[in-house]
């Protein structure tokens, strides 16, 4: 039976061909009696009697559904491999810039500190601060590369222990308040949402800090004004839900589906504007899954982004 996917012109052409005594070759997407769709390759020829009249048609056909599926899978695999290769090339080109930028600052300001003995104490402190900030940036880049390598080879070990979650979040809040001030983004308000009662959680404290730290870094990078809020969204008997929300530039809908893939930022124009390796969110997703949790996001262009993830409470 007809699948409803071929046009009237398709069938008109078929009948016009075979009624003229010519051979028709093509592919049908047909429907079985049970409603299942399948593909078949067909050759239809006319049988002509002694008077030159067509009295029969002969059709030779083959079910090519599996063949079509294999070809489609191969095509998709090829496209994915090409996309992955392209993203890796873009990532390596971007990585060269990401490493050179802080290195140049460290080397340049170190030379100025050692070569100019007449610098005031205030200038020395400013240069030292620039060196420290760039050293932190470089260390963060190296940590990301090492982490994604360990995650790919299954070398990351989750070490769970019970600790005071509220204290941990307060420490993180103070750290990022200082960091936002140091980057000159005083027009951004940082907020922390925590319950007014003690919360003990049994998970990997270091990795939880890393996850929230990466998400907060992401928010501060793409937010120019407004606020960034993070903390605890919900606690049940089985799990605890965290969030990091901002009023930044937002993420386009088509990019939201791939934003957790490795090197993905290397595919976006945001790389040139904001920098970054494109590994942060991939690391976050992998760590959360290793810790038996799950992450999702909601975003709107020009209004901001909210990342939510849950982890088992015990």
Protein backbone atom coordinates (compact mmCIF):
# COMPACT_ATOMS: atom_id res chain seq x y z
CA UNK A 1 0.00 0.00 0.00
CA UNK A 2 1.06 3.59 -0.53
CA UNK A 3 3.03 5.23 2.25
CA UNK A 4 1.70 8.68 1.39
CA UNK A 5 5.27 9.95 1.01
CA UNK A 6 5.47 9.86 -2.80
CA UNK A 7 3.85 12.58 -4.87
CA UNK A 8 1.12 12.13 -7.50
CA UNK A 9 3.73 13.08 -10.12
CA UNK A 10 5.88 10.14 -8.98
CA UNK A 11 3.11 7.62 -9.75
CA UNK A 12 2.06 9.45 -12.93
CA UNK A 13 5.61 9.14 -14.23
CA UNK A 14 5.69 5.42 -13.36
CA UNK A 15 2.46 4.64 -15.26
CA UNK A 16 3.38 6.85 -18.19
CA UNK A 17 6.69 4.98 -18.52
CA UNK A 18 5.37 1.41 -18.35
CA UNK A 19 2.25 2.14 -20.46
CA UNK A 20 4.54 3.35 -23.21
CA UNK A 21 6.28 -0.03 -23.11
CA UNK A 22 9.45 1.25 -21.47
CA UNK A 23 11.12 -0.14 -18.37
CA UNK A 24 10.75 1.77 -15.06
CA UNK A 25 13.38 1.56 -12.33
CA UNK A 26 13.11 3.20 -8.93
CA UNK A 27 12.50 2.91 -5.20
CA UNK A 28 9.20 2.81 -3.33
CA UNK A 29 8.55 3.69 0.27
CA UNK A 30 5.56 1.42 0.87
CA UNK A 31 3.36 0.40 3.77
CA UNK A 32 2.68 -3.14 4.99
CA UNK A 33 -0.79 -4.23 6.06
CA UNK A 34 0.23 -3.82 9.69
CA UNK A 35 1.14 -0.16 9.01
CA UNK A 36 4.91 -0.65 9.07
CA UNK A 37 6.82 1.32 6.43
CA UNK A 38 9.51 -0.33 4.32
CA UNK A 39 11.67 0.44 1.27
CA UNK A 40 11.84 -1.62 -1.87
CA UNK A 41 13.82 -1.31 -5.09
CA UNK A 42 11.76 -2.22 -8.16
CA UNK A 43 12.04 -2.80 -11.90
CA UNK A 44 8.72 -2.85 -13.81
CA UNK A 45 8.50 -3.99 -17.44
CA UNK A 46 5.62 -4.39 -19.85
CA UNK A 47 4.85 -7.72 -21.59
CA UNK A 48 3.65 -7.09 -25.14
CA UNK A 49 1.69 -9.58 -27.23
CA UNK A 50 2.15 -10.32 -30.97
CA UNK A 51 -0.19 -7.46 -31.89
CA UNK A 52 1.91 -4.96 -29.92
CA UNK A 53 -0.57 -4.61 -27.07
CA UNK A 54 0.46 -4.65 -23.40
CA UNK A 55 -1.25 -7.53 -21.64
CA UNK A 56 0.82 -7.83 -18.45
CA UNK A 57 3.37 -6.05 -16.30
CA UNK A 58 6.21 -7.86 -14.58
CA UNK A 59 7.73 -6.39 -11.43
CA UNK A 60 11.00 -7.59 -9.90
CA UNK A 61 11.51 -6.06 -6.46
CA UNK A 62 13.79 -6.32 -3.45
CA UNK A 63 13.27 -5.18 0.14
CA UNK A 64 16.08 -2.66 0.76
CA UNK A 65 14.91 -1.35 4.17
CA UNK A 66 17.98 -2.72 6.00
CA UNK A 67 20.30 -1.54 3.26
CA UNK A 68 18.82 1.98 3.50
CA UNK A 69 19.29 1.94 7.27
CA UNK A 70 22.92 0.84 6.98
CA UNK A 71 23.64 3.56 4.40
CA UNK A 72 21.93 6.20 6.60
CA UNK A 73 23.90 5.04 9.67
CA UNK A 74 27.17 5.11 7.73
CA UNK A 75 26.40 8.60 6.44
CA UNK A 76 25.58 9.82 9.94
CA UNK A 77 28.76 8.25 11.35
CA UNK A 78 30.81 9.88 8.61
CA UNK A 79 29.24 13.29 9.31
CA UNK A 80 29.85 12.90 13.05
CA UNK A 81 33.47 11.89 12.47
CA UNK A 82 34.02 14.86 10.16
CA UNK A 83 32.36 17.23 12.64
CA UNK A 84 34.42 15.83 15.52
CA UNK A 85 37.61 16.17 13.49
CA UNK A 86 36.73 19.75 12.55
CA UNK A 87 35.93 20.67 16.14
CA UNK A 88 39.19 19.16 17.38
CA UNK A 89 41.16 21.14 14.79
CA UNK A 90 39.37 24.34 15.81
CA UNK A 91 39.93 23.45 19.47
CA UNK A 92 43.69 22.99 18.97
CA UNK A 93 43.95 26.29 17.09
CA UNK A 94 42.00 28.01 19.85
CA UNK A 95 44.03 26.29 22.57
CA UNK A 96 47.23 27.80 21.19
CA UNK A 97 45.71 31.25 21.69
CA UNK A 98 44.28 30.38 25.12
CA UNK A 99 47.69 29.23 26.43
CA UNK A 100 49.75 31.98 24.81
CA UNK A 101 47.59 34.83 26.15
CA UNK A 102 48.19 34.23 29.89
CA UNK A 103 51.78 33.10 29.24
CA UNK A 104 52.60 36.35 27.42
CA UNK A 105 51.11 38.36 30.29
CA UNK A 106 53.04 36.37 32.91
CA UNK A 107 56.35 36.68 31.04
CA UNK A 108 55.83 40.33 30.10
CA UNK A 109 54.92 41.63 33.54
CA UNK A 110 57.57 39.44 35.22
CA UNK A 111 60.21 41.07 33.00
CA UNK A 112 58.90 44.53 33.86
CA UNK A 113 59.05 43.74 37.58
CA UNK A 114 62.64 42.54 37.43
CA UNK A 115 64.03 45.05 34.93
CA UNK A 116 62.57 48.30 36.27
CA UNK A 117 63.87 48.94 39.78
CA UNK A 118 62.12 52.32 40.04
CA UNK A 119 58.58 50.95 40.04
CA UNK A 120 56.40 52.14 42.92
CA UNK A 121 55.00 49.64 45.41
CA UNK A 122 51.49 50.29 44.04
CA UNK A 123 52.57 49.45 40.47
CA UNK A 124 54.42 46.34 41.66
CA UNK A 125 51.29 45.11 43.41
CA UNK A 126 49.22 45.75 40.28
CA UNK A 127 51.69 43.82 38.10
CA UNK A 128 51.82 40.98 40.62
CA UNK A 129 48.01 40.82 40.61
CA UNK A 130 47.98 40.58 36.79
CA UNK A 131 50.57 37.78 36.91
CA UNK A 132 48.54 35.87 39.52
CA UNK A 133 45.28 36.20 37.55
CA UNK A 134 46.88 34.94 34.36
CA UNK A 135 48.62 32.11 36.21
CA UNK A 136 45.19 31.06 37.56
CA UNK A 137 43.74 31.18 34.03
CA UNK A 138 46.59 29.04 32.71
CA UNK A 139 46.19 26.55 35.54
CA UNK A 140 42.45 26.32 34.84
CA UNK A 141 43.14 25.55 31.16
CA UNK A 142 45.65 22.83 32.06
CA UNK A 143 43.25 21.35 34.63
CA UNK A 144 40.48 21.18 32.00
CA UNK A 145 42.73 19.37 29.52
CA UNK A 146 43.89 16.87 32.15
CA UNK A 147 40.34 16.29 33.41
CA UNK A 148 38.82 15.60 29.99
CA UNK A 149 41.71 13.22 29.27
CA UNK A 150 41.13 11.35 32.55
CA UNK A 151 37.38 11.21 31.96
CA UNK A 152 37.86 9.74 28.48
CA UNK A 153 40.19 7.04 29.77
CA UNK A 154 38.07 6.26 32.86
CA UNK A 155 40.73 7.37 35.33
CA UNK A 156 38.55 9.74 37.36
CA UNK A 157 37.69 8.20 40.73
CA UNK A 158 34.74 9.54 42.72
CA UNK A 159 35.56 9.63 46.43
CA UNK A 160 32.40 10.05 48.48
CA UNK A 161 32.24 11.28 52.05
CA UNK A 162 29.67 13.02 54.25
CA UNK A 163 30.15 16.76 54.73
CA UNK A 164 28.33 19.98 55.65
CA UNK A 165 26.90 21.30 52.38
CA UNK A 166 25.92 24.76 53.69
CA UNK A 167 29.45 25.52 54.85
CA UNK A 168 30.87 24.39 51.48
CA UNK A 169 28.46 26.61 49.53
CA UNK A 170 29.21 29.62 51.75
CA UNK A 171 32.96 29.23 51.13
CA UNK A 172 32.32 29.01 47.37
CA UNK A 173 30.14 32.13 47.56
CA UNK A 174 32.93 34.15 49.24
CA UNK A 175 35.50 32.90 46.70
CA UNK A 176 33.39 33.93 43.71
CA UNK A 177 32.44 37.27 45.23
CA UNK A 178 36.16 38.06 45.35
CA UNK A 179 36.71 36.68 41.85
CA UNK A 180 33.92 38.78 40.33
CA UNK A 181 35.34 41.90 42.00
CA UNK A 182 38.85 41.12 40.68
CA UNK A 183 37.58 40.80 37.10
CA UNK A 184 36.03 44.27 37.26
CA UNK A 185 32.40 43.11 37.11
CA UNK A 186 31.14 44.99 40.17
CA UNK A 187 27.81 45.58 38.40
CA UNK A 188 27.01 41.87 38.79
CA UNK A 189 25.31 40.81 42.02
CA UNK A 190 26.15 37.32 43.29
CA UNK A 191 23.44 35.59 45.33
CA UNK A 192 23.43 32.34 47.27
CA UNK A 193 20.23 30.37 47.95
CA UNK A 194 20.52 27.86 50.77
CA UNK A 195 18.04 26.30 53.21
CA UNK A 196 17.92 27.66 56.78
CA UNK A 197 18.75 24.27 58.26
CA UNK A 198 21.89 22.06 58.23
CA UNK A 199 22.28 19.74 55.23
CA UNK A 200 24.60 16.74 55.21
CA UNK A 201 25.37 15.25 51.81
CA UNK A 202 27.33 12.10 50.97
CA UNK A 203 29.21 12.73 47.73
CA UNK A 204 32.58 13.86 46.33
CA UNK A 205 33.19 17.30 47.84
CA UNK A 206 36.08 18.20 45.51
CA UNK A 207 34.12 17.29 42.37
CA UNK A 208 30.99 19.12 43.59
CA UNK A 209 33.10 22.26 44.07
CA UNK A 210 34.55 21.74 40.59
CA UNK A 211 31.09 21.38 39.01
CA UNK A 212 29.68 24.49 40.67
CA UNK A 213 32.92 26.37 40.03
CA UNK A 214 32.81 25.60 36.30
CA UNK A 215 29.16 26.64 36.05
CA UNK A 216 29.82 29.87 37.96
CA UNK A 217 32.84 30.61 35.76
CA UNK A 218 30.64 30.10 32.73
CA UNK A 219 27.97 32.45 34.10
CA UNK A 220 30.43 35.20 35.05
CA UNK A 221 32.07 35.01 31.61
CA UNK A 222 28.80 35.50 29.70
CA UNK A 223 27.07 37.93 32.08
CA UNK A 224 27.76 41.68 31.83
CA UNK A 225 25.17 43.03 34.24
CA UNK A 226 22.38 41.85 36.49
CA UNK A 227 22.89 38.90 38.78
CA UNK A 228 24.20 35.39 39.18
CA UNK A 229 22.47 33.14 41.67
CA UNK A 230 23.39 29.63 42.74
CA UNK A 231 22.66 27.16 45.48
CA UNK A 232 20.04 24.60 46.44
CA UNK A 233 16.75 24.43 44.54
CA UNK A 234 15.10 21.39 46.15
CA UNK A 235 15.81 18.62 48.65
CA UNK A 236 13.93 15.32 48.78
CA UNK A 237 14.58 12.12 50.70
CA UNK A 238 16.53 10.68 47.76
CA UNK A 239 18.30 13.60 46.11
CA UNK A 240 19.27 17.26 46.16
CA UNK A 241 18.89 19.65 43.21
CA UNK A 242 21.43 22.45 42.66
CA UNK A 243 21.21 25.38 40.26
CA UNK A 244 23.30 28.17 38.75
CA UNK A 245 21.30 30.96 37.14
CA UNK A 246 22.39 34.18 35.40
CA UNK A 247 21.08 37.15 33.42
CA UNK A 248 23.71 36.75 30.69
CA UNK A 249 23.63 36.52 26.91
CA UNK A 250 21.76 33.18 26.84
CA UNK A 251 22.22 30.14 24.61
CA UNK A 252 20.52 29.64 21.24
CA UNK A 253 18.04 26.74 21.05
CA UNK A 254 19.98 24.83 18.37
CA UNK A 255 23.17 25.04 20.43
CA UNK A 256 21.47 23.88 23.65
CA UNK A 257 21.33 20.31 22.29
CA UNK A 258 25.13 20.16 21.83
CA UNK A 259 26.45 22.52 24.50
CA UNK A 260 27.61 19.63 26.73
CA UNK A 261 29.73 18.07 23.96
CA UNK A 262 33.54 18.35 24.02
CA UNK A 263 35.13 21.24 22.12
CA UNK A 264 31.66 22.53 21.27
CA UNK A 265 32.39 26.19 22.03
CA UNK A 266 35.11 26.01 19.36
CA UNK A 267 32.26 25.88 16.87
CA UNK A 268 30.73 29.15 18.02
CA UNK A 269 31.61 32.79 17.40
CA UNK A 270 31.54 33.24 21.19
CA UNK A 271 35.03 31.69 21.36
CA UNK A 272 36.65 34.74 19.82
CA UNK A 273 34.64 37.13 21.99
CA UNK A 274 34.86 35.38 25.35
CA UNK A 275 37.68 32.85 25.12
CA UNK A 276 37.56 29.42 26.71
CA UNK A 277 38.46 25.88 25.74
CA UNK A 278 34.94 24.52 25.19
CA UNK A 279 35.64 21.75 27.72
CA UNK A 280 34.03 23.13 30.90
CA UNK A 281 30.44 21.97 30.37
CA UNK A 282 31.56 18.60 28.96
CA UNK A 283 33.57 18.04 32.16
CA UNK A 284 30.59 19.11 34.30
CA UNK A 285 28.21 16.67 32.57
CA UNK A 286 30.68 13.77 32.76
CA UNK A 287 31.38 14.37 36.47
CA UNK A 288 27.68 14.63 37.35
CA UNK A 289 26.96 11.35 35.54
CA UNK A 290 29.88 9.67 37.36
CA UNK A 291 28.33 10.91 40.61
CA UNK A 292 25.02 9.26 39.56
CA UNK A 293 23.23 12.53 38.80
CA UNK A 294 21.82 14.41 35.83
CA UNK A 295 22.07 17.96 34.42
CA UNK A 296 19.75 20.09 32.28
CA UNK A 297 19.50 23.70 31.17
CA UNK A 298 16.94 26.38 30.35
CA UNK A 299 17.97 29.45 28.39
CA UNK A 300 16.65 32.39 26.42
CA UNK A 301 18.72 34.71 24.24
CA UNK A 302 19.31 38.05 25.95
CA UNK A 303 17.63 36.96 29.19
CA UNK A 304 20.02 34.42 30.69
CA UNK A 305 20.59 30.75 31.43
CA UNK A 306 19.80 28.38 34.28
CA UNK A 307 21.68 25.11 34.77
CA UNK A 308 20.05 22.55 37.07
CA UNK A 309 21.55 19.29 38.26
CA UNK A 310 20.68 16.76 40.91
CA UNK A 311 22.82 14.35 42.92
CA UNK A 312 21.86 11.54 45.29
CA UNK A 313 21.63 12.87 48.85
CA UNK A 314 23.05 9.68 50.41
